[in-house]
PDB file of N, CA and C in Angstrom:
ATOM      1  N   ASN A   1       0.702  -1.202  -0.673  1.00  0.00           N
ATOM      2  CA  ASN A   1      -0.299  -0.014  -0.339  1.00  0.00           C
ATOM      3  C   ASN A   1       0.948   0.889   0.108  1.00  0.00           C
ATOM      4  N   GLU A   2      -0.012   2.081  -0.120  1.00  0.00           N
ATOM      5  CA  GLU A   2       0.691   3.981   0.024  1.00  0.00           C
ATOM      6  C   GLU A   2       2.302   4.085   0.850  1.00  0.00           C
ATOM      7  N   SER A   3       1.447   3.827   2.551  1.00  0.00           N
ATOM      8  CA  SER A   3       2.159   3.727   3.324  1.00  0.00           C
ATOM      9  C   SER A   3       3.374   2.956   3.455  1.00  0.00           C
ATOM     10  N   THR A   4       3.452   1.720   3.087  1.00  0.00           N
ATOM     11  CA  THR A   4       4.778   1.144   2.930  1.00  0.00           C
ATOM     12  C   THR A   4       6.044   1.941   1.663  1.00  0.00           C
ATOM     13  N   VAL A   5       4.693   1.660   0.709  1.00  0.00           N
ATOM     14  CA  VAL A   5       6.385   2.403  -0.517  1.00  0.00           C
ATOM     15  C   VAL A   5       6.329   3.588   0.811  1.00  0.00           C
ATOM     16  N   LEU A   6       6.258   4.481   0.620  1.00  0.00           N
ATOM     17  CA  LEU A   6       6.350   5.933   1.420  1.00  0.00           C
ATOM     18  C   LEU A   6       7.924   5.483   2.373  1.00  0.00           C
ATOM     19  N   GLN A   7       7.256   4.923   2.853  1.00  0.00           N
ATOM     20  CA  GLN A   7       8.197   3.995   3.825  1.00  0.00           C
ATOM     21  C   GLN A   7       9.634   3.085   3.993  1.00  0.00           C
ATOM     22  N   TYR A   8       9.056   2.934   2.418  1.00  0.00           N
ATOM     23  CA  TYR A   8      10.669   2.316   2.303  1.00  0.00           C
ATOM     24  C   TYR A   8      11.447   3.129   1.228  1.00  0.00           C
ATOM     25  N   ILE A   9      10.553   4.424   0.711  1.00  0.00           N
ATOM     26  CA  ILE A   9      11.151   5.030   0.189  1.00  0.00           C
ATOM     27  C   ILE A   9      12.099   5.741   0.986  1.00  0.00           C
ATOM     28  N   ASP A  10      11.585   6.339   2.560  1.00  0.00           N
ATOM     29  CA  ASP A  10      11.964   7.487   3.520  1.00  0.00           C
ATOM     30  C   ASP A  10      13.033   6.536   3.491  1.00  0.00           C
ATOM     31  N   ARG A  11      12.549   5.375   3.994  1.00  0.00           N
ATOM     32  CA  ARG A  11      13.414   4.786   4.698  1.00  0.00           C
ATOM     33  C   ARG A  11      15.026   3.651   4.032  1.00  0.00           C
ATOM     34  N   ILE A  12      14.878   3.876   2.459  1.00  0.00           N
ATOM     35  CA  ILE A  12      15.593   2.362   2.133  1.00  0.00           C
ATOM     36  C   ILE A  12      15.973   2.971   1.530  1.00  0.00           C
ATOM     37  N   LEU A  13      15.486   4.106   0.511  1.00  0.00           N
ATOM     38  CA  LEU A  13      15.642   4.042  -1.250  1.00  0.00           C
ATOM     39  C   LEU A  13      16.770   5.952  -0.906  1.00  0.00           C
ATOM     40  N   ILE A  14      15.713   6.473  -0.230  1.00  0.00           N
ATOM     41  CA  ILE A  14      16.822   7.704  -0.181  1.00  0.00           C
ATOM     42  C   ILE A  14      18.314   7.644   0.911  1.00  0.00           C
ATOM     43  N   PRO A  15      17.769   7.032   1.755  1.00  0.00           N
ATOM     44  CA  PRO A  15      19.731   6.498   2.102  1.00  0.00           C
ATOM     45  C   PRO A  15      20.530   6.024   1.885  1.00  0.00           C
ATOM     46  N   TYR A  16      19.960   5.451   1.065  1.00  0.00           N
ATOM     47  CA  TYR A  16      20.863   4.782  -0.563  1.00  0.00           C
ATOM     48  C   TYR A  16      21.107   4.994  -1.794  1.00  0.00           C
ATOM     49  N   VAL A  17      20.996   6.131  -1.984  1.00  0.00           N
ATOM     50  CA  VAL A  17      20.397   7.313  -3.147  1.00  0.00           C
ATOM     51  C   VAL A  17      21.991   8.111  -3.027  1.00  0.00           C
ATOM     52  N   THR A  18      21.215   9.117  -1.389  1.00  0.00           N
ATOM     53  CA  THR A  18      21.745   9.337  -0.861  1.00  0.00           C
ATOM     54  C   THR A  18      24.087   9.451  -0.371  1.00  0.00           C
ATOM     55  N   ARG A  19      23.412   7.919  -0.725  1.00  0.00           N
ATOM     56  CA  ARG A  19      25.545   7.077   0.056  1.00  0.00           C
ATOM     57  C   ARG A  19      25.454   7.195  -1.422  1.00  0.00           C
ATOM     58  N   VAL A  20      25.011   6.547  -2.303  1.00  0.00           N
ATOM     59  CA  VAL A  20      25.456   6.111  -3.752  1.00  0.00           C
ATOM     60  C   VAL A  20      26.242   7.385  -4.124  1.00  0.00           C
ATOM     61  N   ARG A  21      25.821   8.215  -4.678  1.00  0.00           N
ATOM     62  CA  ARG A  21      24.769   9.455  -4.793  1.00  0.00           C
ATOM     63  C   ARG A  21      27.058  10.002  -4.183  1.00  0.00           C
ATOM     64  N   LEU A  22      27.465   9.969  -2.963  1.00  0.00           N
ATOM     65  CA  LEU A  22      28.504  10.468  -2.614  1.00  0.00           C
ATOM     66  C   LEU A  22      29.387   9.580  -2.678  1.00  0.00           C
ATOM     67  N   GLU A  23      29.795   8.700  -2.578  1.00  0.00           N
ATOM     68  CA  GLU A  23      30.124   7.346  -3.100  1.00  0.00           C
ATOM     69  C   GLU A  23      30.832   7.142  -4.548  1.00  0.00           C
ATOM     70  N   ASP A  24      30.217   8.009  -5.382  1.00  0.00           N
ATOM     71  CA  ASP A  24      30.448   7.557  -6.977  1.00  0.00           C
ATOM     72  C   ASP A  24      30.673   9.272  -7.124  1.00  0.00           C
ATOM     73  N   GLY A  25      30.629  10.472  -6.262  1.00  0.00           N
ATOM     74  CA  GLY A  25      30.921  11.215  -6.445  1.00  0.00           C
ATOM     75  C   GLY A  25      30.606  12.272  -7.303  1.00  0.00           C
ATOM     76  N   VAL A  26      29.443  12.414  -6.954  1.00  0.00           N
ATOM     77  CA  VAL A  26      28.316  12.829  -8.163  1.00  0.00           C
ATOM     78  C   VAL A  26      27.667  13.827  -7.274  1.00  0.00           C
ATOM     79  N   ALA A  27      26.882  15.222  -7.666  1.00  0.00           N
ATOM     80  CA  ALA A  27      26.263  15.622  -7.908  1.00  0.00           C
ATOM     81  C   ALA A  27      25.371  15.614  -6.584  1.00  0.00           C
ATOM     82  N   PRO A  28      25.708  15.153  -5.501  1.00  0.00           N
ATOM     83  CA  PRO A  28      23.431  15.247  -4.060  1.00  0.00           C
ATOM     84  C   PRO A  28      22.557  15.294  -4.838  1.00  0.00           C
ATOM     85  N   ASP A  29      21.905  16.200  -6.185  1.00  0.00           N
ATOM     86  CA  ASP A  29      20.992  16.167  -6.735  1.00  0.00           C
ATOM     87  C   ASP A  29      20.881  16.410  -7.720  1.00  0.00           C
ATOM     88  N   GLN A  30      21.744  14.952  -8.440  1.00  0.00           N
ATOM     89  CA  GLN A  30      22.027  13.669  -9.483  1.00  0.00           C
ATOM     90  C   GLN A  30      20.906  12.814  -9.681  1.00  0.00           C
ATOM     91  N   ARG A  31      19.797  12.920 -10.576  1.00  0.00           N
ATOM     92  CA  ARG A  31      18.523  11.918 -10.863  1.00  0.00           C
ATOM     93  C   ARG A  31      19.703  10.561 -10.989  1.00  0.00           C
ATOM     94  N   ALA A  32      18.553  10.159 -10.367  1.00  0.00           N
ATOM     95  CA  ALA A  32      18.304   8.349  -9.280  1.00  0.00           C
ATOM     96  C   ALA A  32      17.095   7.494 -10.732  1.00  0.00           C
ATOM     97  N   LEU A  33      18.142   6.564 -10.911  1.00  0.00           N
ATOM     98  CA  LEU A  33      16.520   5.848 -11.618  1.00  0.00           C
ATOM     99  C   LEU A  33      15.648   4.553 -10.397  1.00  0.00           C
ATOM    100  N   LEU A  34      14.116   4.938 -10.710  1.00  0.00           N
ATOM    101  CA  LEU A  34      13.955   3.726 -10.188  1.00  0.00           C
ATOM    102  C   LEU A  34      13.267   2.808 -10.967  1.00  0.00           C
ATOM    103  N   ILE A  35      13.055   1.632 -10.767  1.00  0.00           N
ATOM    104  CA  ILE A  35      12.310   0.286 -11.677  1.00  0.00           C
ATOM    105  C   ILE A  35      11.212  -0.198 -10.916  1.00  0.00           C
ATOM    106  N   PHE A  36       9.801   0.616 -11.052  1.00  0.00           N
ATOM    107  CA  PHE A  36       8.383  -0.126 -10.634  1.00  0.00           C
ATOM    108  C   PHE A  36       8.014  -0.866 -11.042  1.00  0.00           C
ATOM    109  N   ASP A  37       7.202  -2.325 -10.616  1.00  0.00           N
ATOM    110  CA  ASP A  37       6.392  -3.255 -11.531  1.00  0.00           C
ATOM    111  C   ASP A  37       4.508  -2.183 -11.034  1.00  0.00           C
ATOM    112  N   THR A  38       4.015  -2.475 -11.666  1.00  0.00           N
ATOM    113  CA  THR A  38       1.980  -1.696 -11.640  1.00  0.00           C
ATOM    114  C   THR A  38       1.545  -1.701 -10.870  1.00  0.00           C
ATOM    115  N   PHE A  39       2.643  -2.016 -10.040  1.00  0.00           N
ATOM    116  CA  PHE A  39       1.545  -1.658  -8.108  1.00  0.00           C
ATOM    117  C   PHE A  39       0.791  -0.333  -7.697  1.00  0.00           C
ATOM    118  N   ARG A  40      -0.302  -0.794  -7.317  1.00  0.00           N
ATOM    119  CA  ARG A  40      -0.961   0.336  -7.763  1.00  0.00           C
ATOM    120  C   ARG A  40      -0.054   1.200  -6.747  1.00  0.00           C
ATOM    121  N   GLY A  41      -0.061   0.757  -5.351  1.00  0.00           N
ATOM    122  CA  GLY A  41       0.727   2.166  -4.705  1.00  0.00           C
ATOM    123  C   GLY A  41       1.679   2.763  -4.991  1.00  0.00           C
ATOM    124  N   HIS A  42       2.628   2.064  -6.179  1.00  0.00           N
ATOM    125  CA  HIS A  42       4.435   2.971  -6.750  1.00  0.00           C
ATOM    126  C   HIS A  42       3.623   3.831  -7.595  1.00  0.00           C
ATOM    127  N   LEU A  43       1.508   4.310  -7.600  1.00  0.00           N
ATOM    128  CA  LEU A  43       1.804   5.403  -8.626  1.00  0.00           C
ATOM    129  C   LEU A  43       0.867   6.402  -8.086  1.00  0.00           C
ATOM    130  N   THR A  44       0.864   6.313  -6.379  1.00  0.00           N
ATOM    131  CA  THR A  44      -0.313   7.821  -6.266  1.00  0.00           C
ATOM    132  C   THR A  44       0.542   8.887  -6.480  1.00  0.00           C
ATOM    133  N   PRO A  45       0.120  10.011  -6.371  1.00  0.00           N
ATOM    134  CA  PRO A  45       0.142  11.677  -6.267  1.00  0.00           C
ATOM    135  C   PRO A  45       1.669  11.234  -5.145  1.00  0.00           C
ATOM    136  N   ALA A  46       1.394  11.299  -3.745  1.00  0.00           N
ATOM    137  CA  ALA A  46       2.441  11.316  -2.305  1.00  0.00           C
ATOM    138  C   ALA A  46       3.778  10.673  -3.143  1.00  0.00           C
ATOM    139  N   VAL A  47       3.389   9.449  -3.350  1.00  0.00           N
ATOM    140  CA  VAL A  47       4.364   8.836  -4.034  1.00  0.00           C
ATOM    141  C   VAL A  47       5.660   9.479  -5.235  1.00  0.00           C
ATOM    142  N   LYS A  48       5.107   9.289  -6.233  1.00  0.00           N
ATOM    143  CA  LYS A  48       6.071  10.512  -7.345  1.00  0.00           C
ATOM    144  C   LYS A  48       6.268  11.169  -6.942  1.00  0.00           C
ATOM    145  N   ASP A  49       5.366  12.624  -5.518  1.00  0.00           N
ATOM    146  CA  ASP A  49       6.410  14.009  -4.785  1.00  0.00           C
ATOM    147  C   ASP A  49       7.277  13.546  -4.820  1.00  0.00           C
ATOM    148  N   LYS A  50       7.300  12.762  -3.851  1.00  0.00           N
ATOM    149  CA  LYS A  50       8.961  12.019  -2.435  1.00  0.00           C
ATOM    150  C   LYS A  50       9.460  11.887  -3.425  1.00  0.00           C
ATOM    151  N   LEU A  51       9.538  10.902  -5.091  1.00  0.00           N
ATOM    152  CA  LEU A  51       9.735  10.784  -5.107  1.00  0.00           C
ATOM    153  C   LEU A  51      10.852  11.991  -6.168  1.00  0.00           C
ATOM    154  N   GLU A  52      10.231  12.791  -6.513  1.00  0.00           N
ATOM    155  CA  GLU A  52      10.796  14.265  -7.406  1.00  0.00           C
ATOM    156  C   GLU A  52      11.199  14.965  -6.625  1.00  0.00           C
ATOM    157  N   LEU A  53      10.571  14.836  -5.170  1.00  0.00           N
ATOM    158  CA  LEU A  53      11.604  15.823  -4.426  1.00  0.00           C
ATOM    159  C   LEU A  53      13.277  15.172  -3.996  1.00  0.00           C
ATOM    160  N   ASN A  54      13.407  14.194  -4.382  1.00  0.00           N
ATOM    161  CA  ASN A  54      14.330  13.155  -3.757  1.00  0.00           C
ATOM    162  C   ASN A  54      15.264  13.139  -5.132  1.00  0.00           C
ATOM    163  N   ASN A  55      14.482  14.260  -6.532  1.00  0.00           N
ATOM    164  CA  ASN A  55      15.502  13.658  -8.076  1.00  0.00           C
ATOM    165  C   ASN A  55      15.799  11.649  -7.996  1.00  0.00           C
ATOM    166  N   VAL A  56      14.679  11.169  -8.180  1.00  0.00           N
ATOM    167  CA  VAL A  56      14.047  10.073  -8.314  1.00  0.00           C
ATOM    168  C   VAL A  56      13.096  10.127  -9.393  1.00  0.00           C
ATOM    169  N   SER A  57      13.656   9.621 -10.538  1.00  0.00           N
ATOM    170  CA  SER A  57      12.746   9.608 -11.299  1.00  0.00           C
ATOM    171  C   SER A  57      12.398   8.018 -11.956  1.00  0.00           C
ATOM    172  N   TYR A  58      11.660   7.589 -12.429  1.00  0.00           N
ATOM    173  CA  TYR A  58      11.225   6.282 -12.287  1.00  0.00           C
ATOM    174  C   TYR A  58      10.894   5.310 -13.434  1.00  0.00           C
ATOM    175  N   VAL A  59      10.571   4.683 -13.600  1.00  0.00           N
ATOM    176  CA  VAL A  59      10.148   3.996 -15.425  1.00  0.00           C
ATOM    177  C   VAL A  59       8.994   2.725 -14.511  1.00  0.00           C
ATOM    178  N   LEU A  60       7.604   2.295 -15.345  1.00  0.00           N
ATOM    179  CA  LEU A  60       7.332   1.048 -14.603  1.00  0.00           C
ATOM    180  C   LEU A  60       7.628   0.433 -15.839  1.00  0.00           C
ATOM    181  N   VAL A  61       7.776  -0.902 -14.845  1.00  0.00           N
ATOM    182  CA  VAL A  61       7.273  -2.351 -16.542  1.00  0.00           C
ATOM    183  C   VAL A  61       6.110  -3.187 -16.505  1.00  0.00           C
ATOM    184  N   PRO A  62       5.947  -2.713 -17.297  1.00  0.00           N
ATOM    185  CA  PRO A  62       4.785  -3.763 -17.730  1.00  0.00           C
ATOM    186  C   PRO A  62       4.326  -4.827 -16.948  1.00  0.00           C
ATOM    187  N   ALA A  63       3.684  -5.409 -17.043  1.00  0.00           N
ATOM    188  CA  ALA A  63       2.634  -6.739 -16.475  1.00  0.00           C
ATOM    189  C   ALA A  63       2.997  -7.629 -16.996  1.00  0.00           C
ATOM    190  N   ASN A  64       3.757  -8.526 -16.804  1.00  0.00           N
ATOM    191  CA  ASN A  64       4.223  -9.663 -16.765  1.00  0.00           C
ATOM    192  C   ASN A  64       5.371  -9.678 -17.726  1.00  0.00           C
ATOM    193  N   LEU A  65       6.155  -8.836 -18.314  1.00  0.00           N
ATOM    194  CA  LEU A  65       8.081  -8.289 -18.014  1.00  0.00           C
ATOM    195  C   LEU A  65       8.141  -8.484 -16.618  1.00  0.00           C
ATOM    196  N   THR A  66       7.780  -8.410 -15.695  1.00  0.00           N
ATOM    197  CA  THR A  66       9.021  -7.859 -14.381  1.00  0.00           C
ATOM    198  C   THR A  66       9.969  -8.281 -14.939  1.00  0.00           C
ATOM    199  N   ASN A  67       9.612  -9.987 -15.475  1.00  0.00           N
ATOM    200  CA  ASN A  67      11.596 -10.742 -15.693  1.00  0.00           C
ATOM    201  C   ASN A  67      12.373 -11.149 -16.234  1.00  0.00           C
ATOM    202  N   ARG A  68      11.406  -9.687 -16.720  1.00  0.00           N
ATOM    203  CA  ARG A  68      12.604  -9.146 -17.996  1.00  0.00           C
ATOM    204  C   ARG A  68      13.401  -7.682 -17.813  1.00  0.00           C
ATOM    205  N   PHE A  69      12.340  -7.184 -17.418  1.00  0.00           N
ATOM    206  CA  PHE A  69      13.513  -5.938 -16.716  1.00  0.00           C
ATOM    207  C   PHE A  69      13.834  -5.687 -15.693  1.00  0.00           C
ATOM    208  N   GLN A  70      13.178  -6.095 -14.382  1.00  0.00           N
ATOM    209  CA  GLN A  70      13.767  -6.716 -12.735  1.00  0.00           C
ATOM    210  C   GLN A  70      14.833  -7.244 -12.773  1.00  0.00           C
ATOM    211  N   PRO A  71      15.782  -6.878 -12.811  1.00  0.00           N
ATOM    212  CA  PRO A  71      16.621  -8.791 -12.966  1.00  0.00           C
ATOM    213  C   PRO A  71      17.064  -9.617 -11.604  1.00  0.00           C
ATOM    214  N   LEU A  72      16.621  -8.510  -9.677  1.00  0.00           N
ATOM    215  CA  LEU A  72      16.515  -9.282  -9.021  1.00  0.00           C
ATOM    216  C   LEU A  72      15.832 -10.074  -9.453  1.00  0.00           C
ATOM    217  N   ASP A  73      14.768  -9.681  -9.795  1.00  0.00           N
ATOM    218  CA  ASP A  73      13.806 -11.064  -9.537  1.00  0.00           C
ATOM    219  C   ASP A  73      14.282 -11.977 -10.440  1.00  0.00           C
ATOM    220  N   VAL A  74      14.190 -12.174 -11.652  1.00  0.00           N
ATOM    221  CA  VAL A  74      15.161 -12.964 -12.241  1.00  0.00           C
ATOM    222  C   VAL A  74      16.311 -13.789 -11.318  1.00  0.00           C
ATOM    223  N   SER A  75      17.409 -13.525 -10.371  1.00  0.00           N
ATOM    224  CA  SER A  75      18.340 -13.382 -10.154  1.00  0.00           C
ATOM    225  C   SER A  75      17.815 -13.844  -8.434  1.00  0.00           C
ATOM    226  N   VAL A  76      18.450 -12.615  -7.936  1.00  0.00           N
ATOM    227  CA  VAL A  76      18.339 -13.184  -6.215  1.00  0.00           C
ATOM    228  C   VAL A  76      17.108 -13.042  -5.367  1.00  0.00           C
ATOM    229  N   ASN A  77      15.320 -12.442  -6.346  1.00  0.00           N
ATOM    230  CA  ASN A  77      14.370 -13.065  -5.430  1.00  0.00           C
ATOM    231  C   ASN A  77      13.729 -13.813  -5.438  1.00  0.00           C
ATOM    232  N   LYS A  78      14.724 -14.076  -7.229  1.00  0.00           N
ATOM    233  CA  LYS A  78      13.748 -15.831  -7.241  1.00  0.00           C
ATOM    234  C   LYS A  78      14.244 -16.811  -6.820  1.00  0.00           C
ATOM    235  N   ALA A  79      15.283 -17.052  -6.740  1.00  0.00           N
ATOM    236  CA  ALA A  79      16.546 -17.581  -5.688  1.00  0.00           C
ATOM    237  C   ALA A  79      15.857 -18.130  -4.197  1.00  0.00           C
ATOM    238  N   ALA A  80      15.418 -16.407  -3.855  1.00  0.00           N
ATOM    239  CA  ALA A  80      14.426 -16.287  -1.706  1.00  0.00           C
ATOM    240  C   ALA A  80      14.493 -17.515  -2.117  1.00  0.00           C
ATOM    241  N   LYS A  81      12.960 -16.651  -3.445  1.00  0.00           N
ATOM    242  CA  LYS A  81      11.125 -17.063  -3.147  1.00  0.00           C
ATOM    243  C   LYS A  81      11.490 -18.621  -3.526  1.00  0.00           C
ATOM    244  N   ASN A  82      12.352 -19.130  -4.241  1.00  0.00           N
ATOM    245  CA  ASN A  82      12.916 -20.799  -3.948  1.00  0.00           C
ATOM    246  C   ASN A  82      12.635 -21.421  -2.614  1.00  0.00           C
ATOM    247  N   VAL A  83      13.852 -20.540  -2.039  1.00  0.00           N
ATOM    248  CA  VAL A  83      14.000 -21.272  -0.330  1.00  0.00           C
ATOM    249  C   VAL A  83      13.622 -20.938   0.424  1.00  0.00           C
ATOM    250  N   VAL A  84      12.080 -20.077  -0.378  1.00  0.00           N
ATOM    251  CA  VAL A  84      11.365 -20.098   1.226  1.00  0.00           C
ATOM    252  C   VAL A  84       9.844 -20.734   0.818  1.00  0.00           C
ATOM    253  N   ARG A  85       9.882 -21.255  -0.189  1.00  0.00           N
ATOM    254  CA  ARG A  85       9.404 -22.012  -1.010  1.00  0.00           C
ATOM    255  C   ARG A  85       9.757 -23.523  -0.332  1.00  0.00           C
ATOM    256  N   LYS A  86      10.898 -23.694  -0.190  1.00  0.00           N
ATOM    257  CA  LYS A  86      10.832 -25.551   0.124  1.00  0.00           C
ATOM    258  C   LYS A  86      10.708 -25.239   1.786  1.00  0.00           C
ATOM    259  N   CYS A  87      11.413 -24.313   1.807  1.00  0.00           N
ATOM    260  CA  CYS A  87      11.836 -24.261   3.701  1.00  0.00           C
ATOM    261  C   CYS A  87       9.660 -24.211   4.346  1.00  0.00           C
ATOM    262  N   TYR A  88       8.836 -23.627   2.899  1.00  0.00           N
ATOM    263  CA  TYR A  88       7.741 -23.733   3.421  1.00  0.00           C
ATOM    264  C   TYR A  88       6.662 -25.730   3.795  1.00  0.00           C
ATOM    265  N   SER A  89       6.523 -25.954   2.601  1.00  0.00           N
ATOM    266  CA  SER A  89       6.944 -27.062   1.738  1.00  0.00           C
ATOM    267  C   SER A  89       7.806 -28.171   2.795  1.00  0.00           C
ATOM    268  N   GLU A  90       8.386 -27.679   3.384  1.00  0.00           N
ATOM    269  CA  GLU A  90       8.574 -29.049   4.610  1.00  0.00           C
ATOM    270  C   GLU A  90       8.098 -28.619   6.280  1.00  0.00           C
ATOM    271  N   TYR A  91       7.535 -27.593   6.263  1.00  0.00           N
ATOM    272  CA  TYR A  91       7.654 -27.668   7.507  1.00  0.00           C
ATOM    273  C   TYR A  91       6.044 -27.986   7.470  1.00  0.00           C
ATOM    274  N   TYR A  92       5.406 -27.766   6.441  1.00  0.00           N
ATOM    275  CA  TYR A  92       4.219 -27.920   6.143  1.00  0.00           C
ATOM    276  C   TYR A  92       3.591 -29.913   6.132  1.00  0.00           C
ATOM    277  N   ARG A  93       4.693 -30.164   5.082  1.00  0.00           N
ATOM    278  CA  ARG A  93       4.398 -31.877   5.698  1.00  0.00           C
ATOM    279  C   ARG A  93       4.769 -31.844   6.495  1.00  0.00           C
ATOM    280  N   SER A  94       5.717 -31.679   7.265  1.00  0.00           N
ATOM    281  CA  SER A  94       6.839 -31.908   8.755  1.00  0.00           C
ATOM    282  C   SER A  94       5.564 -31.999   9.359  1.00  0.00           C
ATOM    283  N   GLU A  95       4.436 -31.076   9.198  1.00  0.00           N
ATOM    284  CA  GLU A  95       3.148 -30.805   9.887  1.00  0.00           C
ATOM    285  C   GLU A  95       1.888 -31.575  10.617  1.00  0.00           C
ATOM    286  N   VAL A  96       1.897 -31.932   8.712  1.00  0.00           N
ATOM    287  CA  VAL A  96       0.884 -32.500   8.983  1.00  0.00           C
ATOM    288  C   VAL A  96       0.870 -34.545   8.942  1.00  0.00           C
ATOM    289  N   GLN A  97       2.947 -34.577   9.276  1.00  0.00           N
ATOM    290  CA  GLN A  97       2.996 -35.755   8.957  1.00  0.00           C
ATOM    291  C   GLN A  97       2.885 -35.866  10.726  1.00  0.00           C
ATOM    292  N   ARG A  98       3.263 -34.966  11.519  1.00  0.00           N
ATOM    293  CA  ARG A  98       3.342 -35.210  12.665  1.00  0.00           C
ATOM    294  C   ARG A  98       2.690 -35.126  13.290  1.00  0.00           C
ATOM    295  N   GLN A  99       0.936 -34.731  13.184  1.00  0.00           N
ATOM    296  CA  GLN A  99      -0.227 -35.076  13.455  1.00  0.00           C
ATOM    297  C   GLN A  99      -0.627 -36.050  13.308  1.00  0.00           C
ATOM    298  N   LEU A 100      -0.686 -36.636  12.144  1.00  0.00           N
ATOM    299  CA  LEU A 100      -1.110 -37.915  11.511  1.00  0.00           C
ATOM    300  C   LEU A 100      -0.047 -38.612  12.181  1.00  0.00           C
ATOM    301  N   THR A 101       1.064 -38.763  12.248  1.00  0.00           N
ATOM    302  CA  THR A 101       1.803 -40.156  12.956  1.00  0.00           C
ATOM    303  C   THR A 101       1.624 -39.506  14.905  1.00  0.00           C
ATOM    304  N   ALA A 102       0.224 -38.839  15.199  1.00  0.00           N
ATOM    305  CA  ALA A 102      -0.128 -38.762  16.349  1.00  0.00           C
ATOM    306  C   ALA A 102      -0.991 -39.059  16.726  1.00  0.00           C
ATOM    307  N   GLY A 103      -2.005 -40.125  15.418  1.00  0.00           N
ATOM    308  CA  GLY A 103      -3.197 -39.897  15.686  1.00  0.00           C
ATOM    309  C   GLY A 103      -4.426 -39.688  15.777  1.00  0.00           C
ATOM    310  N   ALA A 104      -3.553 -38.261  14.674  1.00  0.00           N
ATOM    311  CA  ALA A 104      -5.829 -37.128  14.045  1.00  0.00           C
ATOM    312  C   ALA A 104      -5.675 -37.840  13.282  1.00  0.00           C
ATOM    313  N   GLU A 105      -6.754 -38.011  12.862  1.00  0.00           N
ATOM    314  CA  GLU A 105      -7.461 -37.398  12.204  1.00  0.00           C
ATOM    315  C   GLU A 105      -7.409 -37.092  10.906  1.00  0.00           C
ATOM    316  N   PRO A 106      -7.047 -37.763   9.585  1.00  0.00           N
ATOM    317  CA  PRO A 106      -6.732 -36.101   8.156  1.00  0.00           C
ATOM    318  C   PRO A 106      -7.501 -35.380   8.169  1.00  0.00           C
ATOM    319  N   HIS A 107      -9.201 -35.037   8.440  1.00  0.00           N
ATOM    320  CA  HIS A 107     -10.005 -34.043   8.102  1.00  0.00           C
ATOM    321  C   HIS A 107      -9.815 -33.281   9.439  1.00  0.00           C
ATOM    322  N   ASP A 108      -8.832 -33.867  10.656  1.00  0.00           N
ATOM    323  CA  ASP A 108      -8.601 -33.089  11.717  1.00  0.00           C
ATOM    324  C   ASP A 108      -7.815 -32.639  11.624  1.00  0.00           C
ATOM    325  N   VAL A 109      -6.651 -32.942  11.076  1.00  0.00           N
ATOM    326  CA  VAL A 109      -5.497 -31.658  10.598  1.00  0.00           C
ATOM    327  C   VAL A 109      -5.567 -30.693  10.659  1.00  0.00           C
ATOM    328  N   SER A 110      -4.433 -30.158  11.026  1.00  0.00           N
ATOM    329  CA  SER A 110      -4.672 -28.016  11.296  1.00  0.00           C
ATOM    330  C   SER A 110      -2.868 -28.142  10.787  1.00  0.00           C
ATOM    331  N   VAL A 111      -2.447 -26.945  10.296  1.00  0.00           N
ATOM    332  CA  VAL A 111      -1.174 -26.415  10.586  1.00  0.00           C
ATOM    333  C   VAL A 111      -1.189 -25.269  10.781  1.00  0.00           C
ATOM    334  N   ASP A 112       0.024 -24.480  11.347  1.00  0.00           N
ATOM    335  CA  ASP A 112      -1.089 -23.287  11.876  1.00  0.00           C
ATOM    336  C   ASP A 112       0.033 -22.828  10.986  1.00  0.00           C
ATOM    337  N   LEU A 113      -0.499 -21.626  10.063  1.00  0.00           N
ATOM    338  CA  LEU A 113       0.366 -20.487   8.632  1.00  0.00           C
ATOM    339  C   LEU A 113       0.762 -19.003   9.433  1.00  0.00           C
ATOM    340  N   ARG A 114       0.476 -19.109  10.903  1.00  0.00           N
ATOM    341  CA  ARG A 114       0.270 -17.542  11.624  1.00  0.00           C
ATOM    342  C   ARG A 114       1.808 -17.051  11.029  1.00  0.00           C
ATOM    343  N   LEU A 115       2.703 -15.975  10.747  1.00  0.00           N
ATOM    344  CA  LEU A 115       3.726 -15.796  10.085  1.00  0.00           C
ATOM    345  C   LEU A 115       4.658 -16.071  12.104  1.00  0.00           C
ATOM    346  N   SER A 116       4.274 -15.699  12.390  1.00  0.00           N
ATOM    347  CA  SER A 116       5.039 -15.382  14.410  1.00  0.00           C
ATOM    348  C   SER A 116       5.682 -17.182  14.488  1.00  0.00           C
ATOM    349  N   VAL A 117       4.371 -18.194  14.029  1.00  0.00           N
ATOM    350  CA  VAL A 117       4.775 -19.704  13.816  1.00  0.00           C
ATOM    351  C   VAL A 117       6.016 -19.986  12.441  1.00  0.00           C
ATOM    352  N   LEU A 118       5.444 -19.291  11.503  1.00  0.00           N
ATOM    353  CA  LEU A 118       6.683 -19.847  10.681  1.00  0.00           C
ATOM    354  C   LEU A 118       7.745 -19.192  10.650  1.00  0.00           C
ATOM    355  N   LYS A 119       7.955 -18.769  10.956  1.00  0.00           N
ATOM    356  CA  LYS A 119       9.886 -17.698  10.919  1.00  0.00           C
ATOM    357  C   LYS A 119      10.027 -18.916  11.976  1.00  0.00           C
TER     358      LYS A 119
END
């Protein structure tokens, strides 16, 4: 949602861009480029204003083309998602097996999927 995107810009993007500008020896007002997908929270006037105030341009990747234009989605994010998916599958399988081994009937098996438990 918009508030999450604004927090991301304030807490992560702007400090990062500021640091890179300084490290690279470019002017503090040197434009930066941010690549967004078409998520609605990215397109709000408040987000656009905040980016403009910080000299950050943005480009929107058309729907269903993220894998071609956002290299992190293809490399880092894909690998991370695969690890999470594998861990989730192993947790779910072991929890079902544990309950069935303990004598639960299949229709009584319940797996707690709250994030606090999955961590």
